[in-house]
N, C-alpha and C. Protein backbone atom coordinates (compact mmCIF):
# COMPACT_ATOMS: atom_id res chain seq x y z
N MET A 1 35.99 11.54 -0.38
CA MET A 1 34.86 12.30 0.01
C MET A 1 33.61 11.75 -0.62
N GLU A 2 32.60 11.53 0.19
CA GLU A 2 31.30 11.04 -0.28
C GLU A 2 30.40 12.13 -0.98
N PRO A 3 29.63 11.71 -2.00
CA PRO A 3 28.77 12.72 -2.60
C PRO A 3 27.69 13.14 -1.61
N ALA A 4 27.22 14.32 -1.81
CA ALA A 4 26.30 14.95 -0.90
C ALA A 4 24.95 14.11 -0.72
N ASN A 5 24.65 13.43 -1.69
CA ASN A 5 23.44 12.66 -1.68
C ASN A 5 23.58 11.25 -1.21
N ALA A 6 24.82 10.87 -0.80
CA ALA A 6 25.11 9.44 -0.51
C ALA A 6 24.23 9.07 0.79
N PRO A 7 23.78 7.82 0.79
CA PRO A 7 22.98 7.42 1.93
C PRO A 7 23.69 7.37 3.16
N ASN A 8 23.15 7.79 4.37
CA ASN A 8 23.72 7.62 5.56
C ASN A 8 23.54 6.31 6.14
N PRO A 9 24.71 5.55 6.32
CA PRO A 9 24.57 4.19 6.88
C PRO A 9 23.93 4.16 8.17
N GLU A 10 24.06 5.08 9.04
CA GLU A 10 23.36 5.03 10.33
C GLU A 10 21.88 5.03 10.27
N ILE A 11 21.33 5.87 9.20
CA ILE A 11 19.94 5.96 8.97
C ILE A 11 19.36 4.55 8.62
N LEU A 12 20.26 3.91 7.71
CA LEU A 12 19.84 2.66 7.22
C LEU A 12 19.76 1.63 8.27
N LYS A 13 20.75 1.72 9.22
CA LYS A 13 20.81 0.79 10.37
C LYS A 13 19.54 0.94 11.22
N GLU A 14 19.04 2.25 11.37
CA GLU A 14 17.94 2.43 12.21
C GLU A 14 16.58 1.93 11.60
N LEU A 15 16.59 1.58 10.47
CA LEU A 15 15.43 0.83 9.83
C LEU A 15 15.23 -0.49 10.58
N PHE A 16 16.21 -0.94 11.08
CA PHE A 16 16.24 -2.37 11.73
C PHE A 16 16.28 -2.31 13.23
N THR A 17 16.25 -1.03 13.75
CA THR A 17 16.23 -0.89 15.23
C THR A 17 15.09 -0.09 15.78
N THR A 18 14.48 0.68 14.88
CA THR A 18 13.36 1.45 15.29
C THR A 18 11.94 0.78 15.08
N LYS A 19 11.19 0.67 16.05
CA LYS A 19 9.83 0.16 15.86
C LYS A 19 8.73 1.22 15.78
N MET A 20 7.74 0.76 15.03
CA MET A 20 6.61 1.59 14.83
C MET A 20 5.93 1.83 16.23
N PRO A 21 5.76 3.06 16.48
CA PRO A 21 5.30 3.39 17.89
C PRO A 21 3.76 3.48 18.06
N PHE A 22 3.08 3.30 17.05
CA PHE A 22 1.57 3.48 17.04
C PHE A 22 1.00 2.76 16.00
N GLY A 23 -0.40 2.64 16.01
CA GLY A 23 -1.23 2.13 14.90
C GLY A 23 -1.23 0.55 14.75
N LYS A 24 -1.78 0.17 13.70
CA LYS A 24 -2.11 -1.27 13.46
C LYS A 24 -0.81 -2.17 13.59
N HIS A 25 0.37 -1.47 13.24
CA HIS A 25 1.63 -2.30 13.23
C HIS A 25 2.59 -1.82 14.38
N GLU A 26 1.97 -1.36 15.54
CA GLU A 26 2.73 -0.88 16.56
C GLU A 26 3.66 -2.06 16.99
N GLY A 27 5.02 -1.60 17.28
CA GLY A 27 6.03 -2.70 17.71
C GLY A 27 6.71 -3.37 16.58
N VAL A 28 6.32 -3.17 15.31
CA VAL A 28 6.95 -3.74 14.16
C VAL A 28 8.11 -2.93 13.72
N LEU A 29 9.24 -3.45 13.42
CA LEU A 29 10.53 -2.78 12.99
C LEU A 29 9.92 -2.06 11.64
N ILE A 30 10.56 -0.84 11.59
CA ILE A 30 10.18 0.02 10.34
C ILE A 30 10.58 -0.80 9.14
N ALA A 31 11.66 -1.47 9.05
CA ALA A 31 12.14 -2.12 7.92
C ALA A 31 11.09 -3.41 7.52
N ASP A 32 10.22 -3.78 8.53
CA ASP A 32 9.30 -4.79 8.30
C ASP A 32 7.87 -4.42 8.10
N LEU A 33 7.75 -3.20 8.03
CA LEU A 33 6.27 -2.70 7.73
C LEU A 33 5.90 -3.15 6.41
N PRO A 34 4.65 -3.56 6.14
CA PRO A 34 4.19 -3.92 4.85
C PRO A 34 4.00 -2.90 3.87
N ILE A 35 4.31 -3.10 2.72
CA ILE A 35 4.24 -2.05 1.59
C ILE A 35 2.91 -1.31 1.45
N TYR A 36 1.85 -2.10 1.73
CA TYR A 36 0.50 -1.44 1.72
C TYR A 36 0.31 -0.44 2.77
N TYR A 37 0.88 -0.64 3.95
CA TYR A 37 0.83 0.38 4.81
C TYR A 37 1.74 1.52 4.67
N LEU A 38 2.77 1.39 4.10
CA LEU A 38 3.70 2.48 3.62
C LEU A 38 3.04 3.24 2.50
N GLU A 39 2.30 2.55 1.64
CA GLU A 39 1.72 3.25 0.57
C GLU A 39 0.56 4.12 1.06
N TRP A 40 -0.11 3.71 2.09
CA TRP A 40 -1.08 4.48 2.58
C TRP A 40 -0.58 5.74 3.30
N PHE A 41 0.43 5.67 3.94
CA PHE A 41 1.17 6.82 4.51
C PHE A 41 1.71 7.69 3.35
N ALA A 42 2.28 7.11 2.40
CA ALA A 42 2.75 7.98 1.26
C ALA A 42 1.57 8.80 0.63
N ALA A 43 0.30 8.18 0.61
CA ALA A 43 -0.76 9.01 0.09
C ALA A 43 -1.24 10.06 0.99
N LYS A 44 -1.33 9.70 2.27
CA LYS A 44 -1.89 10.61 3.25
C LYS A 44 -0.85 11.64 3.94
N GLY A 45 0.39 11.28 3.84
CA GLY A 45 1.48 11.96 4.40
C GLY A 45 2.15 11.24 5.58
N PHE A 46 3.49 11.04 5.46
CA PHE A 46 4.16 10.47 6.57
C PHE A 46 4.32 11.35 7.70
N PRO A 47 4.42 10.72 9.03
CA PRO A 47 4.51 11.56 10.18
C PRO A 47 5.74 12.53 10.04
N GLN A 48 5.72 13.55 10.78
CA GLN A 48 6.78 14.49 10.80
C GLN A 48 8.03 13.82 11.68
N GLY A 49 9.08 14.47 11.39
CA GLY A 49 10.36 14.13 12.07
C GLY A 49 11.01 12.78 11.60
N LYS A 50 11.84 12.26 12.51
CA LYS A 50 12.68 11.08 12.15
C LYS A 50 11.84 9.84 11.76
N LEU A 51 10.73 9.58 12.43
CA LEU A 51 9.89 8.48 12.06
C LEU A 51 9.43 8.55 10.73
N GLY A 52 8.97 9.68 10.29
CA GLY A 52 8.53 9.90 8.90
C GLY A 52 9.62 9.68 7.95
N MET A 53 10.77 10.20 8.26
CA MET A 53 11.90 10.00 7.34
C MET A 53 12.25 8.54 7.17
N LEU A 54 12.25 7.79 8.20
CA LEU A 54 12.56 6.42 8.20
C LEU A 54 11.51 5.60 7.33
N MET A 55 10.27 5.95 7.63
CA MET A 55 9.22 5.37 6.88
C MET A 55 9.30 5.60 5.39
N ALA A 56 9.55 6.84 5.13
CA ALA A 56 9.66 7.24 3.58
C ALA A 56 10.85 6.59 2.97
N THR A 57 11.98 6.43 3.80
CA THR A 57 13.10 5.78 3.31
C THR A 57 12.87 4.26 2.95
N ILE A 58 12.17 3.47 3.94
CA ILE A 58 11.89 2.07 3.73
C ILE A 58 10.92 2.02 2.48
N PHE A 59 9.98 2.94 2.42
CA PHE A 59 9.18 2.90 1.24
C PHE A 59 9.77 3.06 -0.07
N GLU A 60 10.61 3.94 -0.20
CA GLU A 60 11.41 4.08 -1.42
C GLU A 60 12.23 2.82 -1.70
N ILE A 61 12.82 2.11 -0.68
CA ILE A 61 13.56 0.97 -0.87
C ILE A 61 12.74 -0.18 -1.27
N LYS A 62 11.62 -0.30 -0.63
CA LYS A 62 10.68 -1.38 -1.12
C LYS A 62 10.02 -1.20 -2.32
N GLN A 63 9.68 -0.02 -2.65
CA GLN A 63 8.98 0.33 -3.95
C GLN A 63 9.93 0.10 -5.06
N ASN A 64 11.11 0.22 -5.01
CA ASN A 64 12.10 0.06 -5.95
C ASN A 64 12.82 -1.23 -5.92
N GLY A 65 12.32 -2.19 -5.14
CA GLY A 65 12.89 -3.57 -5.04
C GLY A 65 14.28 -3.58 -4.63
N LEU A 66 14.74 -2.85 -3.67
CA LEU A 66 16.02 -2.74 -3.18
C LEU A 66 16.30 -3.33 -1.83
N THR A 67 15.33 -4.07 -1.35
CA THR A 67 15.38 -4.64 0.08
C THR A 67 16.62 -5.59 0.13
N GLU A 68 17.04 -6.32 -0.88
CA GLU A 68 18.17 -7.19 -0.85
C GLU A 68 19.51 -6.42 -0.50
N LEU A 69 19.52 -5.14 -0.94
CA LEU A 69 20.73 -4.39 -0.65
C LEU A 69 20.84 -3.93 0.76
N ILE A 70 19.81 -3.86 1.53
CA ILE A 70 19.91 -3.48 2.95
C ILE A 70 19.93 -4.75 3.72
N ALA A 71 19.60 -5.93 3.38
CA ALA A 71 19.50 -6.98 4.11
C ALA A 71 20.77 -7.33 5.01
N PRO A 72 21.92 -7.06 4.51
CA PRO A 72 23.06 -7.37 5.38
C PRO A 72 23.04 -6.47 6.61
N LEU A 73 22.35 -5.42 6.65
CA LEU A 73 22.32 -4.47 7.86
C LEU A 73 21.42 -5.11 9.01
N ARG A 74 20.62 -6.08 8.62
CA ARG A 74 19.73 -6.66 9.66
C ARG A 74 20.49 -7.37 10.69
N PRO A 75 20.33 -7.12 11.94
CA PRO A 75 21.01 -7.82 13.05
C PRO A 75 20.71 -9.23 12.95
N LYS A 76 21.80 -10.07 13.27
CA LYS A 76 21.61 -11.56 13.30
C LYS A 76 20.94 -11.94 14.59
N ARG A 77 19.99 -12.97 14.36
CA ARG A 77 19.26 -13.37 15.55
C ARG A 77 20.04 -14.65 16.06
N ASN A 78 20.00 -14.66 17.45
CA ASN A 78 20.74 -15.84 18.06
C ASN A 78 19.78 -17.01 18.20
C-alpha cells in the first residue's frame, strides 16, 4: 500500500503531455516552462484547476533541483 502523500505517476506524466494554453509560453510543455515564469505565477497565484496544480508541481520539482528524477518520464523523440 502506497503512503497517502505518494506522488501520482499519472500526474507526473502529464507534465510532459500538457502544454501551456495561454500567455508568453503558449504551446510549451508544462515540464519545459522556465523557472522565472513559474516563480512569477507562484508569487501571483497559479491558475485554478488542473493546470495550476501541474504548474505548482513542476515549480516544486524545479525549485528543489529534482528534474533529473522525472526525466525518465519524458517521451522519447523519434
